[in-house]
N, C-alpha and C. Protein backbone atom coordinates (compact mmCIF):
# COMPACT_ATOMS: atom_id res chain seq x y z
N MET A 1 11.59 12.07 -0.63
CA MET A 1 10.44 10.77 -0.87
C MET A 1 10.01 10.75 0.19
N ILE A 2 8.52 10.37 0.47
CA ILE A 2 8.07 10.05 1.22
C ILE A 2 6.16 9.34 1.28
N PRO A 3 6.75 8.21 1.87
CA PRO A 3 5.12 7.61 1.92
C PRO A 3 4.22 8.20 3.05
N VAL A 4 3.29 8.77 2.99
CA VAL A 4 2.10 8.97 3.85
C VAL A 4 1.10 8.40 4.08
N SER A 5 0.87 8.03 4.95
CA SER A 5 -0.48 6.46 5.49
C SER A 5 -1.98 7.15 5.70
N PHE A 6 -2.54 7.10 5.77
CA PHE A 6 -3.84 7.58 6.01
C PHE A 6 -5.73 6.37 5.57
N PHE A 7 -6.40 6.61 5.64
CA PHE A 7 -7.53 6.19 5.15
C PHE A 7 -8.37 6.88 4.40
N GLU A 8 -9.60 6.16 3.72
CA GLU A 8 -10.13 6.48 2.66
C GLU A 8 -11.54 6.01 3.32
N GLN A 9 -12.54 6.69 3.17
CA GLN A 9 -14.03 6.10 3.22
C GLN A 9 -15.09 6.93 1.97
N ALA A 10 -15.37 5.46 0.99
CA ALA A 10 -16.50 5.71 0.38
C ALA A 10 -17.43 4.99 0.48
N GLY A 11 -18.31 6.00 0.99
CA GLY A 11 -19.33 5.45 1.25
C GLY A 11 -19.30 4.40 2.11
N ARG A 12 -20.05 3.30 2.77
CA ARG A 12 -19.38 2.10 3.86
C ARG A 12 -18.30 1.73 3.86
N ASN A 13 -17.41 1.08 2.48
CA ASN A 13 -15.94 1.43 2.75
C ASN A 13 -14.84 2.19 2.99
N ILE A 14 -14.46 1.26 3.99
CA ILE A 14 -13.45 2.07 4.42
C ILE A 14 -12.21 1.30 4.09
N THR A 15 -10.52 2.22 3.57
CA THR A 15 -9.62 1.50 2.99
C THR A 15 -8.57 1.92 3.52
N THR A 16 -7.39 1.53 4.11
CA THR A 16 -6.05 2.12 4.27
C THR A 16 -5.08 2.43 3.04
N ARG A 17 -4.90 3.41 3.28
CA ARG A 17 -4.08 4.03 2.12
C ARG A 17 -2.84 4.70 1.93
N ILE A 18 -1.75 4.88 1.21
CA ILE A 18 -0.61 5.21 1.34
C ILE A 18 -0.29 6.28 -0.06
N ALA A 19 -0.14 7.35 0.27
CA ALA A 19 -0.10 7.88 -1.04
C ALA A 19 1.69 8.03 -0.89
N VAL A 20 2.01 8.14 -1.87
CA VAL A 20 3.64 8.32 -2.09
C VAL A 20 4.15 9.64 -2.76
N PHE A 21 5.09 10.35 -2.50
CA PHE A 21 5.03 11.72 -3.09
C PHE A 21 6.87 11.91 -3.03
N ASP A 22 7.36 12.43 -4.16
CA ASP A 22 8.29 12.24 -4.73
C ASP A 22 9.05 13.31 -4.18
N ALA A 23 10.91 13.80 -4.01
CA ALA A 23 11.23 14.43 -3.40
C ALA A 23 11.29 16.29 -3.48
N ASP A 24 10.40 16.44 -4.93
CA ASP A 24 9.83 17.94 -5.14
C ASP A 24 8.85 18.20 -4.35
N GLY A 25 7.58 16.86 -4.08
CA GLY A 25 6.89 17.71 -3.37
C GLY A 25 5.60 16.99 -4.06
N ARG A 26 6.22 15.84 -5.69
CA ARG A 26 5.11 15.73 -6.82
C ARG A 26 4.40 14.62 -6.37
N ALA A 27 2.92 14.64 -6.33
CA ALA A 27 2.29 12.87 -6.01
C ALA A 27 2.56 12.03 -6.80
N LEU A 28 2.84 10.81 -6.76
CA LEU A 28 3.06 9.43 -7.95
C LEU A 28 1.71 8.58 -7.61
N GLY A 29 1.57 8.84 -6.30
CA GLY A 29 0.20 7.82 -6.86
C GLY A 29 -0.24 7.23 -5.22
N VAL A 30 -1.26 6.28 -5.53
CA VAL A 30 -1.72 5.72 -4.05
C VAL A 30 -1.39 4.36 -4.06
N TYR A 31 -1.62 3.82 -3.01
CA TYR A 31 -1.83 2.27 -2.76
C TYR A 31 -2.52 2.04 -1.61
N ARG A 32 -3.75 1.31 -2.08
CA ARG A 32 -4.98 0.91 -0.70
C ARG A 32 -3.96 -0.98 -0.35
N LYS A 33 -4.71 -1.07 0.88
CA LYS A 33 -4.23 -1.84 1.47
C LYS A 33 -4.89 -3.35 1.00
N SER A 34 -3.85 -4.31 0.34
CA SER A 34 -4.60 -5.53 0.18
C SER A 34 -5.43 -6.32 1.05
N HIS A 35 -4.70 -6.88 1.82
CA HIS A 35 -5.23 -8.04 3.21
C HIS A 35 -5.19 -7.52 4.10
N ILE A 36 -6.55 -8.15 4.86
CA ILE A 36 -7.21 -7.63 5.61
C ILE A 36 -7.19 -9.16 6.83
N PRO A 37 -6.90 -8.39 7.93
CA PRO A 37 -6.39 -9.74 9.03
C PRO A 37 -7.88 -10.16 9.61
N ASP A 38 -7.46 -11.69 9.20
CA ASP A 38 -8.93 -12.18 9.22
C ASP A 38 -8.80 -13.42 10.40
N GLY A 39 -8.85 -13.36 11.99
CA GLY A 39 -8.21 -14.60 13.23
C GLY A 39 -8.62 -14.19 14.24
N PRO A 40 -8.51 -14.79 15.25
CA PRO A 40 -8.85 -14.66 16.78
C PRO A 40 -8.19 -13.16 16.87
N GLY A 41 -8.56 -12.08 17.49
CA GLY A 41 -8.24 -11.24 17.98
C GLY A 41 -7.90 -10.36 17.05
N TYR A 42 -8.23 -10.43 15.97
CA TYR A 42 -8.33 -9.21 14.79
C TYR A 42 -9.88 -9.13 14.66
N GLN A 43 -9.82 -7.56 14.66
CA GLN A 43 -11.21 -6.70 14.10
C GLN A 43 -11.34 -6.26 13.34
N GLU A 44 -10.43 -6.14 12.73
CA GLU A 44 -9.94 -5.25 11.06
C GLU A 44 -11.57 -5.53 10.04
N LYS A 45 -11.49 -6.85 9.70
CA LYS A 45 -12.92 -7.28 8.86
C LYS A 45 -13.98 -6.24 9.05
N PHE A 46 -14.42 -6.17 10.42
CA PHE A 46 -15.54 -5.50 10.62
C PHE A 46 -15.32 -4.16 9.87
N PHE A 47 -14.01 -3.58 9.93
CA PHE A 47 -14.39 -1.41 9.55
C PHE A 47 -13.57 -1.27 8.14
N PHE A 48 -12.97 -2.35 8.33
CA PHE A 48 -12.23 -2.31 6.38
C PHE A 48 -12.30 -3.15 5.16
N LYS A 49 -12.22 -2.66 4.00
CA LYS A 49 -12.37 -3.29 3.24
C LYS A 49 -10.66 -3.45 2.19
N PRO A 50 -10.33 -4.38 1.85
CA PRO A 50 -9.44 -4.56 0.83
C PRO A 50 -9.24 -3.46 -0.10
N GLY A 51 -8.34 -3.17 -0.43
CA GLY A 51 -8.36 -2.22 -1.53
C GLY A 51 -8.67 -2.74 -2.97
N ASN A 52 -7.80 -1.67 -4.20
CA ASN A 52 -8.57 -2.23 -5.21
C ASN A 52 -7.39 -1.99 -6.07
N THR A 53 -6.21 -1.27 -5.58
CA THR A 53 -4.91 -0.69 -6.65
C THR A 53 -3.82 -2.11 -6.84
N GLY A 54 -3.90 -2.45 -6.68
CA GLY A 54 -2.72 -3.91 -6.45
C GLY A 54 -1.53 -3.45 -5.89
N PHE A 55 -0.44 -4.27 -6.02
CA PHE A 55 0.66 -3.84 -5.75
C PHE A 55 1.96 -3.31 -6.73
N ARG A 56 1.70 -1.87 -6.19
CA ARG A 56 2.46 -1.19 -7.42
C ARG A 56 3.77 -0.64 -6.55
N ALA A 57 4.72 -0.41 -7.90
CA ALA A 57 5.93 0.63 -7.73
C ALA A 57 5.96 1.60 -7.76
N PHE A 58 6.97 2.38 -7.51
CA PHE A 58 6.60 4.12 -7.65
C PHE A 58 7.94 4.75 -8.03
N ALA A 59 8.04 5.20 -9.30
CA ALA A 59 9.76 5.72 -9.66
C ALA A 59 10.07 6.92 -8.91
N THR A 60 10.25 6.99 -7.60
CA THR A 60 10.97 8.63 -7.29
C THR A 60 12.26 8.85 -7.95
N ARG A 61 12.30 9.87 -7.89
CA ARG A 61 14.37 10.77 -7.98
C ARG A 61 14.91 9.60 -7.49
N PHE A 62 14.84 9.35 -6.72
CA PHE A 62 16.22 8.21 -6.34
C PHE A 62 15.91 6.93 -6.17
N GLY A 63 15.03 6.40 -6.87
CA GLY A 63 15.11 4.66 -7.40
C GLY A 63 13.44 4.64 -7.15
N THR A 64 13.22 3.11 -7.35
CA THR A 64 11.85 2.69 -7.55
C THR A 64 11.42 2.15 -6.35
N ILE A 65 10.51 2.61 -5.76
CA ILE A 65 10.24 1.72 -4.11
C ILE A 65 8.97 1.62 -4.43
N GLY A 66 8.52 0.07 -3.48
CA GLY A 66 7.23 -0.24 -3.44
C GLY A 66 6.86 -0.17 -2.40
N VAL A 67 5.68 -0.57 -1.55
CA VAL A 67 5.56 -0.01 -0.14
C VAL A 67 4.28 -1.04 0.02
N ALA A 68 4.42 -1.61 1.22
CA ALA A 68 3.13 -2.27 1.48
C ALA A 68 2.35 -2.18 2.77
N ILE A 69 1.64 -2.25 3.28
CA ILE A 69 1.01 -1.58 4.77
C ILE A 69 0.68 -2.65 5.59
N CYS A 70 1.01 -2.27 6.54
CA CYS A 70 0.68 -3.98 7.76
C CYS A 70 0.61 -5.35 7.08
N TRP A 71 -0.41 -6.22 7.25
CA TRP A 71 -0.84 -7.16 7.03
C TRP A 71 0.28 -7.73 5.63
N ASP A 72 0.11 -6.56 4.65
CA ASP A 72 0.07 -7.16 3.15
C ASP A 72 2.02 -7.66 3.29
N GLN A 73 2.45 -7.41 4.12
CA GLN A 73 3.97 -7.55 3.97
C GLN A 73 4.23 -8.58 3.94
N TRP A 74 3.53 -9.34 5.08
CA TRP A 74 3.80 -11.14 5.71
C TRP A 74 3.46 -11.69 4.41
N PHE A 75 2.94 -11.54 2.93
CA PHE A 75 2.63 -11.72 1.49
C PHE A 75 3.70 -11.78 0.62
N PRO A 76 4.40 -13.29 0.21
CA PRO A 76 5.32 -13.01 -0.48
C PRO A 76 4.57 -12.52 -2.09
N GLU A 77 3.72 -12.69 -1.94
CA GLU A 77 3.02 -12.35 -3.74
C GLU A 77 3.21 -10.56 -3.39
N ALA A 78 3.03 -10.14 -2.30
CA ALA A 78 3.54 -8.62 -2.63
C ALA A 78 5.03 -8.03 -2.67
N ALA A 79 5.52 -9.11 -2.11
CA ALA A 79 6.91 -8.20 -2.47
C ALA A 79 7.26 -9.11 -3.98
N ARG A 80 7.04 -10.23 -4.13
CA ARG A 80 7.52 -10.73 -5.82
C ARG A 80 6.69 -9.52 -6.94
N ALA A 81 4.99 -9.25 -6.53
CA ALA A 81 4.61 -8.01 -7.52
C ALA A 81 4.97 -6.88 -7.34
N MET A 82 5.36 -6.24 -6.22
CA MET A 82 6.36 -4.90 -6.68
C MET A 82 7.80 -4.85 -7.04
N THR A 83 8.40 -5.73 -7.04
CA THR A 83 9.87 -6.23 -7.41
C THR A 83 9.41 -6.36 -8.91
N LEU A 84 8.52 -7.52 -9.53
CA LEU A 84 8.58 -7.73 -10.99
C LEU A 84 7.88 -6.16 -12.06
N ALA A 85 7.19 -5.20 -10.64
CA ALA A 85 6.58 -3.96 -11.04
C ALA A 85 8.35 -2.93 -11.07
N GLY A 86 9.09 -3.12 -11.12
CA GLY A 86 10.12 -2.53 -10.63
C GLY A 86 10.99 -2.07 -10.17
N ALA A 87 9.96 -2.41 -8.53
CA ALA A 87 10.99 -1.95 -7.42
C ALA A 87 12.64 -2.56 -7.31
N ASP A 88 13.18 -0.93 -6.80
CA ASP A 88 14.59 -1.81 -5.85
C ASP A 88 14.54 -1.58 -4.67
N VAL A 89 13.57 -1.37 -4.01
CA VAL A 89 13.39 -1.47 -2.50
C VAL A 89 11.86 -1.22 -2.52
N LEU A 90 11.38 -2.01 -0.98
CA LEU A 90 9.92 -2.32 -0.47
C LEU A 90 10.26 -1.96 1.30
N PHE A 91 8.95 -1.32 1.11
CA PHE A 91 8.39 -0.28 2.43
C PHE A 91 7.61 -0.98 3.11
């Protein structure tokens, strides 16, 4: 299985996404980054918008995984939500 990161543009909104593919190449779904850095030295808030997928778990052939993008990994609710959704491993 492999998570693939890319960005999506819908109108003026740009979000960072990860598509998760299982070992057989089947697309399992997408996750959009939820937290956008906002502070000195961070410029992302001027370009990217928060996603609307919530924190997800993806059932793969080898186990259920959760994937966090960049800033999301620093928030405990991301790990908690993915674990409660069934994730065995977090990336």
